[in-house]
Amino acid sequence: MNESVAHLVSIFESNGSNWKLDRILGSDLRVAKYESFKSSSFVELPQWIKNKGCVMNIRSRNKECLK
């Protein structure tokens, strides 16, 4: 059992619930491939985000947009 789950269970048990964790019947593990953006990448925003006008989508010609 992961530490944070064990901590939450112990808090629940100590608050007078009289419940005890007997066993865990199953668990899920979800994995996704992470591809980080490089400084030379540019992602075109969907039109609905552009229309909100709340995001700055900077296209840098010299690849120093994060400076």
PDB file of N, CA and C in Angstrom:
ATOM      1  N   MET A   1       0.857  -1.173   0.000  1.00  0.00           N
ATOM      2  CA  MET A   1       0.000   0.000   0.000  1.00  0.00           C
ATOM      3  C   MET A   1       0.895   1.225   0.000  1.00  0.00           C
ATOM      4  N   ASN A   2       0.578   2.155  -0.812  1.00  0.00           N
ATOM      5  CA  ASN A   2       1.354   3.376  -0.920  1.00  0.00           C
ATOM      6  C   ASN A   2       1.233   4.186   0.370  1.00  0.00           C
ATOM      7  N   GLU A   3       2.287   4.922   0.726  1.00  0.00           N
ATOM      8  CA  GLU A   3       2.346   5.625   2.012  1.00  0.00           C
ATOM      9  C   GLU A   3       1.208   6.608   2.206  1.00  0.00           C
ATOM     10  N   SER A   4       0.854   7.368   1.161  1.00  0.00           N
ATOM     11  CA  SER A   4      -0.196   8.365   1.318  1.00  0.00           C
ATOM     12  C   SER A   4      -1.551   7.704   1.557  1.00  0.00           C
ATOM     13  N   VAL A   5      -1.817   6.578   0.890  1.00  0.00           N
ATOM     14  CA  VAL A   5      -3.064   5.849   1.106  1.00  0.00           C
ATOM     15  C   VAL A   5      -3.081   5.281   2.517  1.00  0.00           C
ATOM     16  N   ALA A   6      -1.972   4.713   2.950  1.00  0.00           N
ATOM     17  CA  ALA A   6      -1.888   4.157   4.297  1.00  0.00           C
ATOM     18  C   ALA A   6      -2.119   5.249   5.337  1.00  0.00           C
ATOM     19  N   HIS A   7      -1.579   6.429   5.092  1.00  0.00           N
ATOM     20  CA  HIS A   7      -1.757   7.557   6.014  1.00  0.00           C
ATOM     21  C   HIS A   7      -3.228   7.953   6.080  1.00  0.00           C
ATOM     22  N   LEU A   8      -3.891   8.052   4.930  1.00  0.00           N
ATOM     23  CA  LEU A   8      -5.310   8.415   4.906  1.00  0.00           C
ATOM     24  C   LEU A   8      -6.163   7.369   5.607  1.00  0.00           C
ATOM     25  N   VAL A   9      -5.849   6.100   5.393  1.00  0.00           N
ATOM     26  CA  VAL A   9      -6.592   5.025   6.056  1.00  0.00           C
ATOM     27  C   VAL A   9      -6.407   5.120   7.564  1.00  0.00           C
ATOM     28  N   SER A  10      -5.182   5.370   8.018  1.00  0.00           N
ATOM     29  CA  SER A  10      -4.939   5.447   9.462  1.00  0.00           C
ATOM     30  C   SER A  10      -5.668   6.644  10.078  1.00  0.00           C
ATOM     31  N   ILE A  11      -5.748   7.756   9.368  1.00  0.00           N
ATOM     32  CA  ILE A  11      -6.507   8.914   9.865  1.00  0.00           C
ATOM     33  C   ILE A  11      -7.983   8.555   9.986  1.00  0.00           C
ATOM     34  N   PHE A  12      -8.520   7.903   8.965  1.00  0.00           N
ATOM     35  CA  PHE A  12      -9.924   7.504   8.977  1.00  0.00           C
ATOM     36  C   PHE A  12     -10.205   6.548  10.126  1.00  0.00           C
ATOM     37  N   GLU A  13      -9.323   5.589  10.320  1.00  0.00           N
ATOM     38  CA  GLU A  13      -9.516   4.602  11.382  1.00  0.00           C
ATOM     39  C   GLU A  13      -9.416   5.240  12.768  1.00  0.00           C
ATOM     40  N   SER A  14      -8.545   6.248  12.917  1.00  0.00           N
ATOM     41  CA  SER A  14      -8.338   6.847  14.235  1.00  0.00           C
ATOM     42  C   SER A  14      -9.415   7.862  14.603  1.00  0.00           C
ATOM     43  N   ASN A  15     -10.293   8.213  13.678  1.00  0.00           N
ATOM     44  CA  ASN A  15     -11.356   9.181  13.962  1.00  0.00           C
ATOM     45  C   ASN A  15     -12.626   8.524  14.498  1.00  0.00           C
ATOM     46  N   GLY A  16     -12.516   7.318  15.006  1.00  0.00           N
ATOM     47  CA  GLY A  16     -13.645   6.673  15.653  1.00  0.00           C
ATOM     48  C   GLY A  16     -14.590   5.956  14.711  1.00  0.00           C
ATOM     49  N   SER A  17     -14.153   5.632  13.509  1.00  0.00           N
ATOM     50  CA  SER A  17     -15.041   4.946  12.576  1.00  0.00           C
ATOM     51  C   SER A  17     -15.210   3.471  12.931  1.00  0.00           C
ATOM     52  N   ASN A  18     -14.262   2.945  13.691  1.00  0.00           N
ATOM     53  CA  ASN A  18     -14.220   1.523  14.033  1.00  0.00           C
ATOM     54  C   ASN A  18     -14.068   0.626  12.808  1.00  0.00           C
ATOM     55  N   TRP A  19     -13.732   1.192  11.688  1.00  0.00           N
ATOM     56  CA  TRP A  19     -13.460   0.406  10.489  1.00  0.00           C
ATOM     57  C   TRP A  19     -11.989   0.028  10.503  1.00  0.00           C
ATOM     58  N   LYS A  20     -11.693  -1.115   9.994  1.00  0.00           N
ATOM     59  CA  LYS A  20     -10.310  -1.557   9.856  1.00  0.00           C
ATOM     60  C   LYS A  20     -10.114  -2.060   8.433  1.00  0.00           C
ATOM     61  N   LEU A  21      -8.981  -1.701   7.853  1.00  0.00           N
ATOM     62  CA  LEU A  21      -8.644  -2.181   6.509  1.00  0.00           C
ATOM     63  C   LEU A  21      -8.155  -3.624   6.640  1.00  0.00           C
ATOM     64  N   ASP A  22      -8.883  -4.524   6.029  1.00  0.00           N
ATOM     65  CA  ASP A  22      -8.548  -5.942   6.113  1.00  0.00           C
ATOM     66  C   ASP A  22      -7.648  -6.357   4.960  1.00  0.00           C
ATOM     67  N   ARG A  23      -8.030  -5.956   3.726  1.00  0.00           N
ATOM     68  CA  ARG A  23      -7.222  -6.314   2.564  1.00  0.00           C
ATOM     69  C   ARG A  23      -7.570  -5.391   1.398  1.00  0.00           C
ATOM     70  N   ILE A  24      -6.694  -5.340   0.473  1.00  0.00           N
ATOM     71  CA  ILE A  24      -6.908  -4.584  -0.765  1.00  0.00           C
ATOM     72  C   ILE A  24      -7.212  -5.602  -1.846  1.00  0.00           C
ATOM     73  N   LEU A  25      -8.349  -5.449  -2.478  1.00  0.00           N
ATOM     74  CA  LEU A  25      -8.792  -6.430  -3.465  1.00  0.00           C
ATOM     75  C   LEU A  25      -8.220  -6.185  -4.855  1.00  0.00           C
ATOM     76  N   GLY A  26      -7.762  -4.990  -5.109  1.00  0.00           N
ATOM     77  CA  GLY A  26      -7.192  -4.714  -6.422  1.00  0.00           C
ATOM     78  C   GLY A  26      -6.630  -3.310  -6.479  1.00  0.00           C
ATOM     79  N   SER A  27      -5.927  -3.047  -7.525  1.00  0.00           N
ATOM     80  CA  SER A  27      -5.384  -1.706  -7.737  1.00  0.00           C
ATOM     81  C   SER A  27      -5.188  -1.490  -9.226  1.00  0.00           C
ATOM     82  N   ASP A  28      -5.093  -0.239  -9.621  1.00  0.00           N
ATOM     83  CA  ASP A  28      -4.873   0.120 -11.020  1.00  0.00           C
ATOM     84  C   ASP A  28      -3.570   0.893 -11.147  1.00  0.00           C
ATOM     85  N   LEU A  29      -2.867   0.639 -12.215  1.00  0.00           N
ATOM     86  CA  LEU A  29      -1.666   1.392 -12.540  1.00  0.00           C
ATOM     87  C   LEU A  29      -1.836   1.885 -13.962  1.00  0.00           C
ATOM     88  N   ARG A  30      -1.808   3.191 -14.133  1.00  0.00           N
ATOM     89  CA  ARG A  30      -1.968   3.766 -15.468  1.00  0.00           C
ATOM     90  C   ARG A  30      -0.674   4.466 -15.858  1.00  0.00           C
ATOM     91  N   VAL A  31      -0.194   4.176 -17.041  1.00  0.00           N
ATOM     92  CA  VAL A  31       1.079   4.702 -17.512  1.00  0.00           C
ATOM     93  C   VAL A  31       0.851   5.432 -18.820  1.00  0.00           C
ATOM     94  N   ALA A  32       1.515   6.563 -18.961  1.00  0.00           N
ATOM     95  CA  ALA A  32       1.420   7.321 -20.206  1.00  0.00           C
ATOM     96  C   ALA A  32       2.820   7.767 -20.603  1.00  0.00           C
ATOM     97  N   LYS A  33       3.059   7.815 -21.871  1.00  0.00           N
ATOM     98  CA  LYS A  33       4.346   8.281 -22.372  1.00  0.00           C
ATOM     99  C   LYS A  33       4.394   9.800 -22.256  1.00  0.00           C
ATOM    100  N   TYR A  34       5.466  10.314 -21.706  1.00  0.00           N
ATOM    101  CA  TYR A  34       5.639  11.756 -21.536  1.00  0.00           C
ATOM    102  C   TYR A  34       6.648  12.253 -22.549  1.00  0.00           C
ATOM    103  N   GLU A  35       6.245  13.213 -23.328  1.00  0.00           N
ATOM    104  CA  GLU A  35       7.155  13.844 -24.279  1.00  0.00           C
ATOM    105  C   GLU A  35       7.207  15.320 -23.946  1.00  0.00           C
ATOM    106  N   SER A  36       8.338  15.747 -23.413  1.00  0.00           N
ATOM    107  CA  SER A  36       8.454  17.154 -23.024  1.00  0.00           C
ATOM    108  C   SER A  36       8.664  18.026 -24.254  1.00  0.00           C
ATOM    109  N   PHE A  37       8.239  19.265 -24.119  1.00  0.00           N
ATOM    110  CA  PHE A  37       8.444  20.230 -25.199  1.00  0.00           C
ATOM    111  C   PHE A  37       9.905  20.654 -25.215  1.00  0.00           C
ATOM    112  N   LYS A  38      10.409  20.849 -26.368  1.00  0.00           N
ATOM    113  CA  LYS A  38      11.753  21.392 -26.507  1.00  0.00           C
ATOM    114  C   LYS A  38      11.616  22.882 -26.781  1.00  0.00           C
ATOM    115  N   SER A  39      12.670  23.621 -26.586  1.00  0.00           N
ATOM    116  CA  SER A  39      12.579  25.066 -26.757  1.00  0.00           C
ATOM    117  C   SER A  39      12.274  25.468 -28.196  1.00  0.00           C
ATOM    118  N   SER A  40      12.474  24.566 -29.121  1.00  0.00           N
ATOM    119  CA  SER A  40      12.203  24.905 -30.511  1.00  0.00           C
ATOM    120  C   SER A  40      10.801  24.496 -30.958  1.00  0.00           C
ATOM    121  N   SER A  41      10.020  23.915 -30.057  1.00  0.00           N
ATOM    122  CA  SER A  41       8.696  23.453 -30.462  1.00  0.00           C
ATOM    123  C   SER A  41       7.667  24.567 -30.330  1.00  0.00           C
ATOM    124  N   PHE A  42       6.632  24.482 -31.122  1.00  0.00           N
ATOM    125  CA  PHE A  42       5.515  25.410 -31.056  1.00  0.00           C
ATOM    126  C   PHE A  42       4.247  24.607 -31.231  1.00  0.00           C
ATOM    127  N   VAL A  43       3.303  24.804 -30.343  1.00  0.00           N
ATOM    128  CA  VAL A  43       2.046  24.076 -30.399  1.00  0.00           C
ATOM    129  C   VAL A  43       0.949  25.065 -30.740  1.00  0.00           C
ATOM    130  N   GLU A  44       0.281  24.820 -31.839  1.00  0.00           N
ATOM    131  CA  GLU A  44      -0.837  25.671 -32.238  1.00  0.00           C
ATOM    132  C   GLU A  44      -2.009  25.404 -31.293  1.00  0.00           C
ATOM    133  N   LEU A  45      -2.587  26.473 -30.761  1.00  0.00           N
ATOM    134  CA  LEU A  45      -3.702  26.318 -29.831  1.00  0.00           C
ATOM    135  C   LEU A  45      -5.003  26.083 -30.574  1.00  0.00           C
ATOM    136  N   PRO A  46      -5.909  25.331 -29.968  1.00  0.00           N
ATOM    137  CA  PRO A  46      -7.238  25.181 -30.567  1.00  0.00           C
ATOM    138  C   PRO A  46      -7.951  26.539 -30.606  1.00  0.00           C
ATOM    139  N   GLN A  47      -8.831  26.703 -31.561  1.00  0.00           N
ATOM    140  CA  GLN A  47      -9.500  27.988 -31.762  1.00  0.00           C
ATOM    141  C   GLN A  47     -10.283  28.423 -30.523  1.00  0.00           C
ATOM    142  N   TRP A  48     -10.892  27.497 -29.804  1.00  0.00           N
ATOM    143  CA  TRP A  48     -11.699  27.880 -28.643  1.00  0.00           C
ATOM    144  C   TRP A  48     -10.841  28.486 -27.532  1.00  0.00           C
ATOM    145  N   ILE A  49      -9.567  28.077 -27.442  1.00  0.00           N
ATOM    146  CA  ILE A  49      -8.665  28.681 -26.456  1.00  0.00           C
ATOM    147  C   ILE A  49      -8.214  30.054 -26.952  1.00  0.00           C
ATOM    148  N   LYS A  50      -7.897  30.158 -28.238  1.00  0.00           N
ATOM    149  CA  LYS A  50      -7.509  31.449 -28.803  1.00  0.00           C
ATOM    150  C   LYS A  50      -8.607  32.484 -28.596  1.00  0.00           C
ATOM    151  N   ASN A  51      -9.856  32.071 -28.796  1.00  0.00           N
ATOM    152  CA  ASN A  51     -10.986  32.995 -28.678  1.00  0.00           C
ATOM    153  C   ASN A  51     -11.146  33.552 -27.269  1.00  0.00           C
ATOM    154  N   LYS A  52     -10.695  32.821 -26.262  1.00  0.00           N
ATOM    155  CA  LYS A  52     -10.796  33.301 -24.887  1.00  0.00           C
ATOM    156  C   LYS A  52      -9.846  34.465 -24.627  1.00  0.00           C
ATOM    157  N   GLY A  53      -8.732  34.509 -25.355  1.00  0.00           N
ATOM    158  CA  GLY A  53      -7.760  35.587 -25.184  1.00  0.00           C
ATOM    159  C   GLY A  53      -7.056  35.564 -23.840  1.00  0.00           C
ATOM    160  N   CYS A  54      -6.937  34.405 -23.215  1.00  0.00           N
ATOM    161  CA  CYS A  54      -6.340  34.329 -21.880  1.00  0.00           C
ATOM    162  C   CYS A  54      -4.998  33.603 -21.871  1.00  0.00           C
ATOM    163  N   VAL A  55      -4.495  33.216 -23.045  1.00  0.00           N
ATOM    164  CA  VAL A  55      -3.247  32.468 -23.119  1.00  0.00           C
ATOM    165  C   VAL A  55      -2.302  33.165 -24.082  1.00  0.00           C
ATOM    166  N   MET A  56      -1.044  33.312 -23.662  1.00  0.00           N
ATOM    167  CA  MET A  56      -0.023  33.841 -24.564  1.00  0.00           C
ATOM    168  C   MET A  56       0.686  32.664 -25.207  1.00  0.00           C
ATOM    169  N   ASN A  57       0.572  32.531 -26.500  1.00  0.00           N
ATOM    170  CA  ASN A  57       1.218  31.438 -27.219  1.00  0.00           C
ATOM    171  C   ASN A  57       2.353  32.052 -28.044  1.00  0.00           C
ATOM    172  N   ILE A  58       3.542  32.048 -27.489  1.00  0.00           N
ATOM    173  CA  ILE A  58       4.675  32.766 -28.079  1.00  0.00           C
ATOM    174  C   ILE A  58       5.396  31.892 -29.091  1.00  0.00           C
ATOM    175  N   ARG A  59       5.556  32.421 -30.287  1.00  0.00           N
ATOM    176  CA  ARG A  59       6.349  31.731 -31.312  1.00  0.00           C
ATOM    177  C   ARG A  59       7.668  32.501 -31.416  1.00  0.00           C
ATOM    178  N   SER A  60       8.751  31.850 -31.064  1.00  0.00           N
ATOM    179  CA  SER A  60      10.049  32.505 -31.030  1.00  0.00           C
ATOM    180  C   SER A  60      10.851  32.147 -32.274  1.00  0.00           C
ATOM    181  N   ARG A  61      11.421  33.137 -32.889  1.00  0.00           N
ATOM    182  CA  ARG A  61      12.255  32.889 -34.076  1.00  0.00           C
ATOM    183  C   ARG A  61      13.688  32.507 -33.687  1.00  0.00           C
ATOM    184  N   ASN A  62      14.148  32.966 -32.516  1.00  0.00           N
ATOM    185  CA  ASN A  62      15.539  32.691 -32.115  1.00  0.00           C
ATOM    186  C   ASN A  62      15.622  31.577 -31.048  1.00  0.00           C
ATOM    187  N   LYS A  63      14.536  30.870 -30.802  1.00  0.00           N
ATOM    188  CA  LYS A  63      14.496  29.750 -29.866  1.00  0.00           C
ATOM    189  C   LYS A  63      14.867  30.143 -28.443  1.00  0.00           C
ATOM    190  N   GLU A  64      14.629  31.379 -28.069  1.00  0.00           N
ATOM    191  CA  GLU A  64      14.920  31.840 -26.716  1.00  0.00           C
ATOM    192  C   GLU A  64      13.647  32.369 -26.055  1.00  0.00           C
ATOM    193  N   CYS A  65      12.522  31.761 -26.340  1.00  0.00           N
ATOM    194  CA  CYS A  65      11.248  32.261 -25.823  1.00  0.00           C
ATOM    195  C   CYS A  65      11.109  32.100 -24.321  1.00  0.00           C
ATOM    196  N   LEU A  66      11.887  31.214 -23.698  1.00  0.00           N
ATOM    197  CA  LEU A  66      11.778  30.999 -22.261  1.00  0.00           C
ATOM    198  C   LEU A  66      12.703  31.882 -21.456  1.00  0.00           C
ATOM    199  N   LYS A  67      13.522  32.677 -22.104  1.00  0.00           N
ATOM    200  CA  LYS A  67      14.453  33.564 -21.377  1.00  0.00           C
ATOM    201  C   LYS A  67      13.744  34.801 -20.878  1.00  0.00           C
TER     202      LYS A  67
END
